[in-house]
Amino acid sequence: MEKDIFEKSFIEKLDKNFLELNKYFEFSLEIFCEFNTLIFEINKCLILEFHRATITLTNNLLERLLKLALINNETGIVPIPIEKWNQVFEEPNRKYGSIPLGNSIEKCKKLGLLSDQEKHFLFNIIRELMRNGFSHADSSKILANLPDNSPMFQGSLTNPNADLKEVGINQKIIPTFQALQMESFAKENAKDYFDFVFHLIFRIEERLKEKQK
C-alpha cells in the first residue's frame, strides 16, 4: 500500500476529530503521573478512529489505575526518600501488582476509592463487556442479545435473475459476523469508555488526597 494513502487518511481523521478530542491532552496528574504517556497514546488512537485499540488500551489503563490506587493507599502519597523506595513498595506491589480486576474493584470500593455507582459499573459492565470482550477476545457477552437466527438472503452473481434464498444465520457463533459486530460495538463505545476512565483517575486522586489529610 502506498504511503500517500496512509497520510491522507491520517490527516483527514486529525482534521475531523482533533478539536473535539484535544481536551484529553490538557491535563495535570498529581499522583498517577505515569499515565501521561498512556493517556496520550489512547487519545491518539481515538483521533485516528482506532476504536478497538482505544478500548484495549483503556482496559490496560483501568486495571493499572486500580492497582496503583491500592498501592498508593497503602504507601501514602507523600514523597518517599529514594533509599527507602524498595522497602516501602515491595510489600504493596506483592499484594496488589497481580490482583485480578474483580478483586481490585471490590478492594477499592471497600477502601473508599470507588463509589457504589462506580463499583457497580466497573464490576458488572466494564469487567464483563470491555475487559472480557476485547482484552480476552471473548465476544459472548457483547453479542448475547443478538438473535440466534438472523435472516439473510443468498443470491448468485452468475445468475442475477435467480430467486434469492433465505438463510438463517447465528451471528453470535460465526467469526466473520462476530468481528463485524465487535467492530461496530467498539466504534459506538470506545470514546465514552475512555472518557469515564479518564475522569475516574482524577476522582481517585482526590479521594487518595482526602484520605491522607
N, C-alpha and C. Protein backbone atom coordinates (compact mmCIF):
# COMPACT_ATOMS: atom_id res chain seq x y z
N MET A 1 0.85 -1.20 0.00
CA MET A 1 0.00 0.00 0.00
C MET A 1 0.89 1.25 0.00
N GLU A 2 0.46 2.25 -0.72
CA GLU A 2 1.25 3.47 -0.85
C GLU A 2 1.19 4.33 0.41
N LYS A 3 2.32 4.96 0.73
CA LYS A 3 2.41 5.82 1.90
C LYS A 3 1.41 6.96 1.82
N ASP A 4 1.16 7.49 0.64
CA ASP A 4 0.25 8.63 0.46
C ASP A 4 -1.16 8.30 0.95
N ILE A 5 -1.56 7.05 0.81
CA ILE A 5 -2.90 6.66 1.24
C ILE A 5 -3.01 6.78 2.76
N PHE A 6 -1.98 6.34 3.47
CA PHE A 6 -1.98 6.47 4.93
C PHE A 6 -1.96 7.93 5.35
N GLU A 7 -1.11 8.72 4.71
CA GLU A 7 -1.00 10.14 5.05
C GLU A 7 -2.35 10.83 4.88
N LYS A 8 -3.01 10.56 3.78
CA LYS A 8 -4.30 11.19 3.51
C LYS A 8 -5.33 10.80 4.57
N SER A 9 -5.36 9.51 4.92
CA SER A 9 -6.31 9.04 5.92
C SER A 9 -6.02 9.66 7.29
N PHE A 10 -4.74 9.69 7.69
CA PHE A 10 -4.38 10.25 8.99
C PHE A 10 -4.73 11.73 9.08
N ILE A 11 -4.45 12.47 8.04
CA ILE A 11 -4.74 13.91 8.02
C ILE A 11 -6.24 14.15 8.09
N GLU A 12 -7.01 13.36 7.35
CA GLU A 12 -8.46 13.51 7.37
C GLU A 12 -9.02 13.26 8.76
N LYS A 13 -8.54 12.21 9.42
CA LYS A 13 -9.02 11.89 10.77
C LYS A 13 -8.58 12.97 11.77
N LEU A 14 -7.36 13.47 11.62
CA LEU A 14 -6.87 14.52 12.52
C LEU A 14 -7.72 15.78 12.37
N ASP A 15 -7.98 16.18 11.15
CA ASP A 15 -8.81 17.37 10.91
C ASP A 15 -10.24 17.17 11.42
N LYS A 16 -10.73 15.96 11.30
CA LYS A 16 -12.11 15.66 11.70
C LYS A 16 -12.29 15.63 13.21
N ASN A 17 -11.30 15.09 13.94
CA ASN A 17 -11.52 14.76 15.34
C ASN A 17 -10.72 15.57 16.36
N PHE A 18 -9.72 16.31 15.91
CA PHE A 18 -8.82 16.94 16.88
C PHE A 18 -9.51 17.96 17.77
N LEU A 19 -10.33 18.81 17.20
CA LEU A 19 -10.98 19.85 18.00
C LEU A 19 -11.81 19.27 19.13
N GLU A 20 -12.48 18.15 18.86
CA GLU A 20 -13.32 17.53 19.89
C GLU A 20 -12.48 16.83 20.96
N LEU A 21 -11.35 16.22 20.57
CA LEU A 21 -10.63 15.34 21.47
C LEU A 21 -9.36 15.93 22.07
N ASN A 22 -8.95 17.11 21.62
CA ASN A 22 -7.69 17.66 22.14
C ASN A 22 -7.77 18.01 23.62
N LYS A 23 -9.00 18.08 24.17
CA LYS A 23 -9.17 18.34 25.61
C LYS A 23 -8.49 17.27 26.45
N TYR A 24 -8.36 16.05 25.91
CA TYR A 24 -7.73 14.97 26.66
C TYR A 24 -6.21 15.07 26.66
N PHE A 25 -5.66 16.03 25.94
CA PHE A 25 -4.23 16.31 26.00
C PHE A 25 -3.91 17.36 27.07
N GLU A 26 -4.96 18.04 27.56
CA GLU A 26 -4.76 19.14 28.51
C GLU A 26 -5.15 18.67 29.91
N PHE A 27 -4.20 18.11 30.63
CA PHE A 27 -4.49 17.63 31.98
C PHE A 27 -3.21 17.65 32.80
N SER A 28 -3.39 17.58 34.11
CA SER A 28 -2.25 17.57 35.01
C SER A 28 -2.53 16.60 36.14
N LEU A 29 -1.80 15.50 36.17
CA LEU A 29 -1.95 14.50 37.22
C LEU A 29 -0.95 14.77 38.34
N GLU A 30 -1.39 14.54 39.57
CA GLU A 30 -0.52 14.76 40.73
C GLU A 30 0.04 13.45 41.29
N ILE A 31 -0.76 12.40 41.28
CA ILE A 31 -0.35 11.12 41.86
C ILE A 31 -0.02 10.11 40.77
N PHE A 32 -0.88 10.00 39.78
CA PHE A 32 -0.74 8.98 38.75
C PHE A 32 -0.02 9.52 37.51
N CYS A 33 1.13 10.12 37.73
CA CYS A 33 1.86 10.76 36.61
C CYS A 33 2.33 9.76 35.56
N GLU A 34 2.45 8.51 35.94
CA GLU A 34 2.90 7.51 34.96
C GLU A 34 1.90 7.31 33.82
N PHE A 35 0.67 7.82 34.00
CA PHE A 35 -0.34 7.65 32.97
C PHE A 35 -0.27 8.70 31.86
N ASN A 36 0.61 9.67 31.99
CA ASN A 36 0.68 10.74 31.00
C ASN A 36 0.85 10.19 29.58
N THR A 37 1.83 9.34 29.38
CA THR A 37 2.11 8.84 28.02
C THR A 37 1.01 7.90 27.55
N LEU A 38 0.44 7.09 28.46
CA LEU A 38 -0.62 6.16 28.07
C LEU A 38 -1.88 6.90 27.65
N ILE A 39 -2.23 7.95 28.38
CA ILE A 39 -3.40 8.75 28.00
C ILE A 39 -3.18 9.39 26.64
N PHE A 40 -1.98 9.92 26.40
CA PHE A 40 -1.68 10.49 25.09
C PHE A 40 -1.84 9.44 24.00
N GLU A 41 -1.36 8.24 24.26
CA GLU A 41 -1.43 7.17 23.26
C GLU A 41 -2.88 6.78 22.97
N ILE A 42 -3.68 6.66 24.01
CA ILE A 42 -5.09 6.32 23.82
C ILE A 42 -5.81 7.40 23.03
N ASN A 43 -5.55 8.66 23.38
CA ASN A 43 -6.25 9.74 22.69
C ASN A 43 -5.85 9.82 21.22
N LYS A 44 -4.60 9.51 20.92
CA LYS A 44 -4.20 9.47 19.52
C LYS A 44 -4.93 8.35 18.77
N CYS A 45 -5.17 7.24 19.45
CA CYS A 45 -5.97 6.17 18.84
C CYS A 45 -7.40 6.64 18.57
N LEU A 46 -7.97 7.39 19.52
CA LEU A 46 -9.32 7.92 19.32
C LEU A 46 -9.37 8.87 18.13
N ILE A 47 -8.40 9.76 18.05
CA ILE A 47 -8.37 10.74 16.96
C ILE A 47 -8.31 10.04 15.61
N LEU A 48 -7.52 8.97 15.54
CA LEU A 48 -7.37 8.23 14.28
C LEU A 48 -8.44 7.16 14.10
N GLU A 49 -9.40 7.11 15.04
CA GLU A 49 -10.54 6.19 14.98
C GLU A 49 -10.12 4.74 15.03
N PHE A 50 -9.10 4.45 15.84
CA PHE A 50 -8.70 3.08 16.12
C PHE A 50 -9.48 2.63 17.37
N HIS A 51 -10.74 2.28 17.18
CA HIS A 51 -11.65 2.09 18.29
C HIS A 51 -11.32 0.86 19.13
N ARG A 52 -10.99 -0.25 18.49
CA ARG A 52 -10.65 -1.44 19.26
C ARG A 52 -9.34 -1.26 20.02
N ALA A 53 -8.39 -0.57 19.41
CA ALA A 53 -7.14 -0.26 20.11
C ALA A 53 -7.42 0.66 21.30
N THR A 54 -8.31 1.61 21.13
CA THR A 54 -8.69 2.51 22.23
C THR A 54 -9.24 1.72 23.41
N ILE A 55 -10.14 0.80 23.15
CA ILE A 55 -10.75 0.03 24.24
C ILE A 55 -9.71 -0.85 24.91
N THR A 56 -8.87 -1.51 24.13
CA THR A 56 -7.88 -2.41 24.71
C THR A 56 -6.89 -1.64 25.59
N LEU A 57 -6.43 -0.48 25.12
CA LEU A 57 -5.52 0.33 25.92
C LEU A 57 -6.22 0.93 27.14
N THR A 58 -7.49 1.27 27.00
CA THR A 58 -8.24 1.79 28.14
C THR A 58 -8.42 0.70 29.19
N ASN A 59 -8.60 -0.54 28.76
CA ASN A 59 -8.62 -1.65 29.71
C ASN A 59 -7.32 -1.69 30.51
N ASN A 60 -6.20 -1.54 29.82
CA ASN A 60 -4.89 -1.54 30.48
C ASN A 60 -4.80 -0.39 31.48
N LEU A 61 -5.26 0.78 31.05
CA LEU A 61 -5.24 1.96 31.92
C LEU A 61 -6.07 1.74 33.17
N LEU A 62 -7.26 1.18 33.01
CA LEU A 62 -8.15 0.96 34.15
C LEU A 62 -7.56 -0.04 35.13
N GLU A 63 -7.08 -1.17 34.64
CA GLU A 63 -6.53 -2.19 35.54
C GLU A 63 -5.33 -1.66 36.31
N ARG A 64 -4.47 -0.92 35.60
CA ARG A 64 -3.30 -0.36 36.27
C ARG A 64 -3.71 0.73 37.26
N LEU A 65 -4.71 1.53 36.93
CA LEU A 65 -5.20 2.57 37.83
C LEU A 65 -5.64 1.98 39.16
N LEU A 66 -6.43 0.92 39.12
CA LEU A 66 -6.94 0.36 40.36
C LEU A 66 -5.82 -0.28 41.19
N LYS A 67 -4.87 -0.91 40.53
CA LYS A 67 -3.72 -1.47 41.26
C LYS A 67 -2.90 -0.37 41.92
N LEU A 68 -2.64 0.68 41.17
CA LEU A 68 -1.86 1.79 41.75
C LEU A 68 -2.64 2.51 42.84
N ALA A 69 -3.95 2.57 42.72
CA ALA A 69 -4.76 3.18 43.77
C ALA A 69 -4.59 2.41 45.07
N LEU A 70 -4.59 1.09 44.99
CA LEU A 70 -4.41 0.27 46.19
C LEU A 70 -3.00 0.42 46.75
N ILE A 71 -2.01 0.46 45.87
CA ILE A 71 -0.62 0.61 46.32
C ILE A 71 -0.43 1.96 46.99
N ASN A 72 -0.92 3.02 46.36
CA ASN A 72 -0.77 4.37 46.93
C ASN A 72 -1.57 4.54 48.21
N ASN A 73 -2.70 3.88 48.29
CA ASN A 73 -3.48 3.93 49.52
C ASN A 73 -2.68 3.35 50.69
N GLU A 74 -1.87 2.34 50.42
CA GLU A 74 -1.09 1.68 51.47
C GLU A 74 0.21 2.42 51.77
N THR A 75 0.88 2.92 50.74
CA THR A 75 2.18 3.58 50.96
C THR A 75 2.03 5.03 51.36
N GLY A 76 0.86 5.62 51.05
CA GLY A 76 0.71 7.06 51.23
C GLY A 76 1.20 7.79 50.00
N ILE A 77 0.88 9.07 49.92
CA ILE A 77 1.21 9.84 48.72
C ILE A 77 2.22 10.96 49.00
N VAL A 78 2.80 10.96 50.20
CA VAL A 78 3.84 11.94 50.49
C VAL A 78 5.15 11.46 49.88
N PRO A 79 6.08 12.37 49.57
CA PRO A 79 7.36 11.96 48.99
C PRO A 79 8.10 10.97 49.89
N ILE A 80 8.74 9.98 49.25
CA ILE A 80 9.49 8.94 49.97
C ILE A 80 10.95 9.06 49.58
N PRO A 81 11.87 9.10 50.52
CA PRO A 81 13.30 9.15 50.18
C PRO A 81 13.67 7.97 49.29
N ILE A 82 14.50 8.22 48.29
CA ILE A 82 14.82 7.20 47.31
C ILE A 82 15.44 5.96 47.93
N GLU A 83 16.18 6.13 49.00
CA GLU A 83 16.83 4.98 49.63
C GLU A 83 15.81 4.06 50.31
N LYS A 84 14.56 4.53 50.46
CA LYS A 84 13.52 3.71 51.09
C LYS A 84 12.51 3.15 50.09
N TRP A 85 12.68 3.45 48.80
CA TRP A 85 11.71 3.01 47.80
C TRP A 85 11.50 1.50 47.82
N ASN A 86 12.58 0.74 47.79
CA ASN A 86 12.45 -0.72 47.77
C ASN A 86 11.69 -1.23 48.99
N GLN A 87 12.04 -0.71 50.13
CA GLN A 87 11.42 -1.14 51.38
C GLN A 87 9.93 -0.80 51.41
N VAL A 88 9.58 0.40 50.96
CA VAL A 88 8.19 0.87 51.05
C VAL A 88 7.29 0.16 50.03
N PHE A 89 7.80 -0.05 48.82
CA PHE A 89 6.93 -0.55 47.75
C PHE A 89 6.92 -2.06 47.60
N GLU A 90 7.86 -2.75 48.20
CA GLU A 90 7.96 -4.20 47.98
C GLU A 90 6.69 -4.95 48.36
N GLU A 91 6.20 -4.74 49.57
CA GLU A 91 5.04 -5.48 50.04
C GLU A 91 3.74 -5.07 49.34
N PRO A 92 3.45 -3.76 49.17
CA PRO A 92 2.24 -3.38 48.43
C PRO A 92 2.25 -3.89 46.99
N ASN A 93 3.42 -3.88 46.35
CA ASN A 93 3.49 -4.38 44.98
C ASN A 93 3.23 -5.89 44.94
N ARG A 94 3.73 -6.61 45.95
CA ARG A 94 3.48 -8.05 46.02
C ARG A 94 1.98 -8.32 46.20
N LYS A 95 1.32 -7.52 47.03
CA LYS A 95 -0.09 -7.73 47.33
C LYS A 95 -1.00 -7.36 46.17
N TYR A 96 -0.66 -6.28 45.47
CA TYR A 96 -1.61 -5.74 44.51
C TYR A 96 -1.14 -5.75 43.05
N GLY A 97 0.13 -6.04 42.80
CA GLY A 97 0.65 -5.96 41.44
C GLY A 97 0.01 -6.94 40.46
N SER A 98 -0.49 -8.06 40.97
CA SER A 98 -1.09 -9.08 40.11
C SER A 98 -2.55 -9.35 40.47
N ILE A 99 -3.16 -8.48 41.21
CA ILE A 99 -4.53 -8.71 41.67
C ILE A 99 -5.50 -8.70 40.48
N PRO A 100 -6.43 -9.65 40.40
CA PRO A 100 -7.42 -9.67 39.31
C PRO A 100 -8.33 -8.44 39.37
N LEU A 101 -8.87 -8.07 38.21
CA LEU A 101 -9.68 -6.86 38.13
C LEU A 101 -10.86 -6.90 39.10
N GLY A 102 -11.60 -8.01 39.14
CA GLY A 102 -12.75 -8.08 40.04
C GLY A 102 -12.36 -7.83 41.48
N ASN A 103 -11.24 -8.40 41.90
CA ASN A 103 -10.77 -8.20 43.27
C ASN A 103 -10.33 -6.76 43.53
N SER A 104 -9.68 -6.15 42.56
CA SER A 104 -9.23 -4.77 42.75
C SER A 104 -10.42 -3.82 42.82
N ILE A 105 -11.47 -4.09 42.05
CA ILE A 105 -12.68 -3.27 42.13
C ILE A 105 -13.29 -3.38 43.53
N GLU A 106 -13.45 -4.61 44.01
CA GLU A 106 -14.03 -4.82 45.33
C GLU A 106 -13.19 -4.16 46.42
N LYS A 107 -11.88 -4.31 46.34
CA LYS A 107 -10.99 -3.76 47.35
C LYS A 107 -11.02 -2.22 47.33
N CYS A 108 -11.00 -1.63 46.14
CA CYS A 108 -11.05 -0.16 46.05
C CYS A 108 -12.36 0.37 46.61
N LYS A 109 -13.46 -0.34 46.36
CA LYS A 109 -14.74 0.09 46.92
C LYS A 109 -14.70 0.02 48.44
N LYS A 110 -14.16 -1.06 49.00
CA LYS A 110 -14.11 -1.24 50.45
C LYS A 110 -13.26 -0.16 51.12
N LEU A 111 -12.24 0.32 50.41
CA LEU A 111 -11.34 1.33 50.96
C LEU A 111 -11.81 2.75 50.67
N GLY A 112 -12.96 2.90 50.04
CA GLY A 112 -13.49 4.23 49.78
C GLY A 112 -12.89 4.91 48.57
N LEU A 113 -12.24 4.16 47.70
CA LEU A 113 -11.63 4.74 46.50
C LEU A 113 -12.57 4.72 45.30
N LEU A 114 -13.66 3.96 45.41
CA LEU A 114 -14.70 3.93 44.40
C LEU A 114 -16.05 4.13 45.08
N SER A 115 -16.97 4.80 44.39
CA SER A 115 -18.33 4.94 44.89
C SER A 115 -19.12 3.67 44.58
N ASP A 116 -20.30 3.55 45.17
CA ASP A 116 -21.18 2.40 44.87
C ASP A 116 -21.49 2.32 43.38
N GLN A 117 -21.81 3.47 42.79
CA GLN A 117 -22.17 3.50 41.37
C GLN A 117 -20.99 3.11 40.49
N GLU A 118 -19.81 3.63 40.81
CA GLU A 118 -18.61 3.28 40.04
C GLU A 118 -18.29 1.80 40.15
N LYS A 119 -18.40 1.27 41.37
CA LYS A 119 -18.12 -0.15 41.58
C LYS A 119 -19.07 -1.01 40.76
N HIS A 120 -20.34 -0.70 40.80
CA HIS A 120 -21.33 -1.46 40.03
C HIS A 120 -21.03 -1.40 38.54
N PHE A 121 -20.76 -0.21 38.04
CA PHE A 121 -20.49 -0.04 36.61
C PHE A 121 -19.23 -0.81 36.19
N LEU A 122 -18.17 -0.71 36.97
CA LEU A 122 -16.92 -1.39 36.63
C LEU A 122 -17.06 -2.90 36.73
N PHE A 123 -17.71 -3.37 37.78
CA PHE A 123 -17.77 -4.82 38.02
C PHE A 123 -18.74 -5.51 37.07
N ASN A 124 -19.91 -4.92 36.87
CA ASN A 124 -20.96 -5.61 36.13
C ASN A 124 -20.99 -5.30 34.64
N ILE A 125 -20.41 -4.18 34.25
CA ILE A 125 -20.46 -3.81 32.83
C ILE A 125 -19.07 -3.81 32.22
N ILE A 126 -18.18 -3.02 32.76
CA ILE A 126 -16.85 -2.91 32.17
C ILE A 126 -16.10 -4.24 32.24
N ARG A 127 -16.11 -4.89 33.38
CA ARG A 127 -15.38 -6.15 33.53
C ARG A 127 -15.91 -7.21 32.56
N GLU A 128 -17.21 -7.25 32.38
CA GLU A 128 -17.81 -8.27 31.53
C GLU A 128 -17.71 -7.95 30.05
N LEU A 129 -18.00 -6.71 29.70
CA LEU A 129 -18.05 -6.35 28.28
C LEU A 129 -16.71 -5.91 27.73
N MET A 130 -16.15 -4.85 28.32
CA MET A 130 -14.94 -4.26 27.75
C MET A 130 -13.71 -5.14 27.98
N ARG A 131 -13.48 -5.55 29.22
CA ARG A 131 -12.27 -6.31 29.51
C ARG A 131 -12.34 -7.70 28.87
N ASN A 132 -13.43 -8.44 29.15
CA ASN A 132 -13.54 -9.78 28.58
C ASN A 132 -13.71 -9.75 27.06
N GLY A 133 -14.46 -8.76 26.58
CA GLY A 133 -14.75 -8.68 25.15
C GLY A 133 -13.54 -8.36 24.30
N PHE A 134 -12.63 -7.53 24.81
CA PHE A 134 -11.51 -7.08 23.98
C PHE A 134 -10.17 -7.60 24.49
N SER A 135 -9.84 -7.40 25.74
CA SER A 135 -8.56 -7.90 26.24
C SER A 135 -8.51 -9.42 26.24
N HIS A 136 -9.66 -10.07 26.47
CA HIS A 136 -9.72 -11.53 26.49
C HIS A 136 -10.34 -12.11 25.22
N ALA A 137 -10.69 -11.24 24.27
CA ALA A 137 -11.24 -11.69 22.98
C ALA A 137 -12.44 -12.62 23.14
N ASP A 138 -13.29 -12.33 24.12
CA ASP A 138 -14.50 -13.12 24.36
C ASP A 138 -15.70 -12.26 24.00
N SER A 139 -16.29 -12.54 22.87
CA SER A 139 -17.39 -11.70 22.37
C SER A 139 -18.75 -12.13 22.89
N SER A 140 -18.82 -13.19 23.69
CA SER A 140 -20.11 -13.78 24.03
C SER A 140 -21.04 -12.81 24.75
N LYS A 141 -20.52 -12.04 25.72
CA LYS A 141 -21.39 -11.12 26.48
C LYS A 141 -21.85 -9.95 25.62
N ILE A 142 -20.95 -9.44 24.79
CA ILE A 142 -21.31 -8.29 23.94
C ILE A 142 -22.38 -8.67 22.93
N LEU A 143 -22.30 -9.89 22.42
CA LEU A 143 -23.23 -10.33 21.37
C LEU A 143 -24.43 -11.09 21.93
N ALA A 144 -24.53 -11.18 23.25
CA ALA A 144 -25.54 -12.04 23.87
C ALA A 144 -26.96 -11.69 23.46
N ASN A 145 -27.24 -10.42 23.22
CA ASN A 145 -28.61 -10.00 22.92
C ASN A 145 -28.98 -10.12 21.45
N LEU A 146 -28.03 -10.52 20.61
CA LEU A 146 -28.37 -10.76 19.21
C LEU A 146 -29.27 -11.99 19.10
N PRO A 147 -30.16 -12.01 18.12
CA PRO A 147 -31.00 -13.22 17.96
C PRO A 147 -30.16 -14.41 17.52
N ASP A 148 -30.62 -15.60 17.90
CA ASP A 148 -29.92 -16.81 17.49
C ASP A 148 -30.05 -17.08 16.00
N ASN A 149 -31.05 -16.48 15.40
CA ASN A 149 -31.30 -16.72 13.98
C ASN A 149 -31.62 -15.40 13.28
N SER A 150 -30.68 -14.92 12.47
CA SER A 150 -30.90 -13.68 11.70
C SER A 150 -31.13 -14.05 10.24
N PRO A 151 -32.25 -13.60 9.64
CA PRO A 151 -32.50 -13.95 8.24
C PRO A 151 -31.57 -13.18 7.30
N MET A 152 -30.94 -13.89 6.39
CA MET A 152 -30.13 -13.30 5.33
C MET A 152 -30.51 -13.95 4.02
N PHE A 153 -30.10 -13.32 2.92
CA PHE A 153 -30.54 -13.80 1.62
C PHE A 153 -29.34 -14.07 0.73
N GLN A 154 -29.37 -15.24 0.10
CA GLN A 154 -28.28 -15.69 -0.76
C GLN A 154 -28.70 -15.57 -2.22
N GLY A 155 -27.86 -14.89 -2.98
CA GLY A 155 -28.12 -14.75 -4.41
C GLY A 155 -26.96 -15.29 -5.22
N SER A 156 -27.00 -15.05 -6.52
CA SER A 156 -25.96 -15.54 -7.42
C SER A 156 -25.52 -14.44 -8.35
N LEU A 157 -24.20 -14.15 -8.38
CA LEU A 157 -23.68 -13.15 -9.30
C LEU A 157 -23.69 -13.66 -10.73
N THR A 158 -23.57 -14.98 -10.90
CA THR A 158 -23.55 -15.55 -12.25
C THR A 158 -24.96 -15.69 -12.82
N ASN A 159 -25.95 -15.69 -11.93
CA ASN A 159 -27.33 -15.79 -12.39
C ASN A 159 -28.19 -14.81 -11.60
N PRO A 160 -28.08 -13.51 -11.93
CA PRO A 160 -28.76 -12.48 -11.13
C PRO A 160 -30.27 -12.58 -11.16
N ASN A 161 -30.84 -13.31 -12.11
CA ASN A 161 -32.29 -13.43 -12.19
C ASN A 161 -32.83 -14.55 -11.31
N ALA A 162 -31.93 -15.30 -10.70
CA ALA A 162 -32.36 -16.40 -9.84
C ALA A 162 -33.01 -15.85 -8.57
N ASP A 163 -33.95 -16.60 -8.03
CA ASP A 163 -34.61 -16.18 -6.80
C ASP A 163 -33.62 -16.15 -5.64
N LEU A 164 -33.80 -15.16 -4.75
CA LEU A 164 -32.99 -15.10 -3.54
C LEU A 164 -33.42 -16.19 -2.58
N LYS A 165 -32.45 -16.80 -1.93
CA LYS A 165 -32.73 -17.87 -0.98
C LYS A 165 -32.49 -17.36 0.43
N GLU A 166 -33.51 -17.48 1.27
CA GLU A 166 -33.36 -17.04 2.66
C GLU A 166 -32.59 -18.08 3.46
N VAL A 167 -31.61 -17.56 4.24
CA VAL A 167 -30.78 -18.43 5.07
C VAL A 167 -30.76 -17.86 6.49
N GLY A 168 -30.92 -18.73 7.48
CA GLY A 168 -30.85 -18.29 8.87
C GLY A 168 -29.42 -18.38 9.39
N ILE A 169 -28.91 -17.26 9.92
CA ILE A 169 -27.51 -17.19 10.39
C ILE A 169 -27.49 -16.80 11.86
N ASN A 170 -26.68 -17.50 12.64
CA ASN A 170 -26.45 -17.13 14.04
C ASN A 170 -25.16 -16.31 14.09
N GLN A 171 -25.30 -14.99 14.15
CA GLN A 171 -24.13 -14.11 14.10
C GLN A 171 -23.23 -14.25 15.33
N LYS A 172 -23.77 -14.81 16.42
CA LYS A 172 -23.01 -14.92 17.67
C LYS A 172 -21.91 -15.98 17.61
N ILE A 173 -22.01 -16.91 16.67
CA ILE A 173 -21.06 -18.02 16.66
C ILE A 173 -20.20 -18.08 15.40
N ILE A 174 -20.45 -17.20 14.44
CA ILE A 174 -19.71 -17.22 13.18
C ILE A 174 -18.65 -16.12 13.21
N PRO A 175 -17.36 -16.47 13.13
CA PRO A 175 -16.28 -15.48 13.33
C PRO A 175 -16.41 -14.22 12.49
N THR A 176 -16.79 -14.33 11.23
CA THR A 176 -16.88 -13.15 10.37
C THR A 176 -17.89 -12.15 10.92
N PHE A 177 -19.05 -12.64 11.34
CA PHE A 177 -20.08 -11.75 11.87
C PHE A 177 -19.74 -11.29 13.28
N GLN A 178 -19.07 -12.13 14.07
CA GLN A 178 -18.59 -11.69 15.37
C GLN A 178 -17.69 -10.46 15.21
N ALA A 179 -16.77 -10.54 14.25
CA ALA A 179 -15.82 -9.44 14.04
C ALA A 179 -16.55 -8.17 13.63
N LEU A 180 -17.53 -8.28 12.77
CA LEU A 180 -18.29 -7.10 12.33
C LEU A 180 -19.05 -6.47 13.49
N GLN A 181 -19.66 -7.30 14.31
CA GLN A 181 -20.42 -6.79 15.45
C GLN A 181 -19.49 -6.15 16.49
N MET A 182 -18.33 -6.77 16.71
CA MET A 182 -17.38 -6.21 17.68
C MET A 182 -16.83 -4.87 17.19
N GLU A 183 -16.58 -4.77 15.91
CA GLU A 183 -16.11 -3.51 15.34
C GLU A 183 -17.15 -2.41 15.54
N SER A 184 -18.40 -2.75 15.28
CA SER A 184 -19.48 -1.78 15.46
C SER A 184 -19.62 -1.38 16.92
N PHE A 185 -19.54 -2.34 17.82
CA PHE A 185 -19.64 -2.06 19.26
C PHE A 185 -18.51 -1.14 19.70
N ALA A 186 -17.30 -1.42 19.23
CA ALA A 186 -16.14 -0.60 19.61
C ALA A 186 -16.32 0.84 19.12
N LYS A 187 -16.78 1.00 17.91
CA LYS A 187 -16.98 2.34 17.35
C LYS A 187 -17.98 3.14 18.17
N GLU A 188 -19.01 2.48 18.67
CA GLU A 188 -20.06 3.16 19.41
C GLU A 188 -19.65 3.48 20.85
N ASN A 189 -18.72 2.70 21.42
CA ASN A 189 -18.47 2.80 22.87
C ASN A 189 -17.08 3.24 23.28
N ALA A 190 -16.11 3.23 22.36
CA ALA A 190 -14.72 3.49 22.75
C ALA A 190 -14.54 4.85 23.41
N LYS A 191 -15.12 5.88 22.83
CA LYS A 191 -14.91 7.24 23.36
C LYS A 191 -15.52 7.41 24.75
N ASP A 192 -16.73 6.93 24.94
CA ASP A 192 -17.39 7.07 26.24
C ASP A 192 -16.65 6.28 27.32
N TYR A 193 -16.16 5.12 26.96
CA TYR A 193 -15.41 4.30 27.92
C TYR A 193 -14.13 5.02 28.36
N PHE A 194 -13.38 5.52 27.40
CA PHE A 194 -12.16 6.24 27.75
C PHE A 194 -12.48 7.47 28.59
N ASP A 195 -13.52 8.20 28.23
CA ASP A 195 -13.90 9.40 28.99
C ASP A 195 -14.21 9.04 30.44
N PHE A 196 -14.90 7.93 30.66
CA PHE A 196 -15.21 7.51 32.02
C PHE A 196 -13.93 7.22 32.82
N VAL A 197 -13.01 6.44 32.24
CA VAL A 197 -11.79 6.08 32.95
C VAL A 197 -10.91 7.31 33.15
N PHE A 198 -10.85 8.19 32.14
CA PHE A 198 -10.06 9.42 32.24
C PHE A 198 -10.48 10.23 33.46
N HIS A 199 -11.77 10.44 33.63
CA HIS A 199 -12.24 11.24 34.77
C HIS A 199 -12.19 10.46 36.08
N LEU A 200 -12.27 9.14 36.01
CA LEU A 200 -12.14 8.33 37.21
C LEU A 200 -10.75 8.50 37.84
N ILE A 201 -9.73 8.65 37.02
CA ILE A 201 -8.37 8.86 37.53
C ILE A 201 -8.34 10.06 38.48
N PHE A 202 -8.94 11.16 38.07
CA PHE A 202 -8.90 12.38 38.88
C PHE A 202 -9.77 12.25 40.14
N ARG A 203 -10.88 11.50 40.03
CA ARG A 203 -11.71 11.30 41.23
C ARG A 203 -10.96 10.46 42.26
N ILE A 204 -10.24 9.44 41.80
CA ILE A 204 -9.48 8.61 42.74
C ILE A 204 -8.32 9.41 43.33
N GLU A 205 -7.67 10.26 42.52
CA GLU A 205 -6.63 11.12 43.08
C GLU A 205 -7.17 11.96 44.22
N GLU A 206 -8.34 12.55 44.03
CA GLU A 206 -8.92 13.40 45.07
C GLU A 206 -9.25 12.59 46.32
N ARG A 207 -9.71 11.36 46.15
CA ARG A 207 -10.04 10.52 47.30
C ARG A 207 -8.78 10.12 48.06
N LEU A 208 -7.71 9.82 47.34
CA LEU A 208 -6.44 9.50 47.99
C LEU A 208 -5.93 10.70 48.79
N LYS A 209 -6.01 11.88 48.19
CA LYS A 209 -5.55 13.09 48.89
C LYS A 209 -6.40 13.35 50.13
N GLU A 210 -7.70 13.14 50.01
CA GLU A 210 -8.58 13.37 51.16
C GLU A 210 -8.28 12.39 52.29
N LYS A 211 -7.96 11.15 51.94
CA LYS A 211 -7.65 10.14 52.97
C LYS A 211 -6.33 10.42 53.67
N GLN A 212 -5.42 11.11 52.99
CA GLN A 212 -4.09 11.35 53.54
C GLN A 212 -4.01 12.62 54.38
N LYS A 213 -5.11 13.38 54.43
CA LYS A 213 -5.09 14.62 55.21
C LYS A 213 -4.96 14.32 56.70
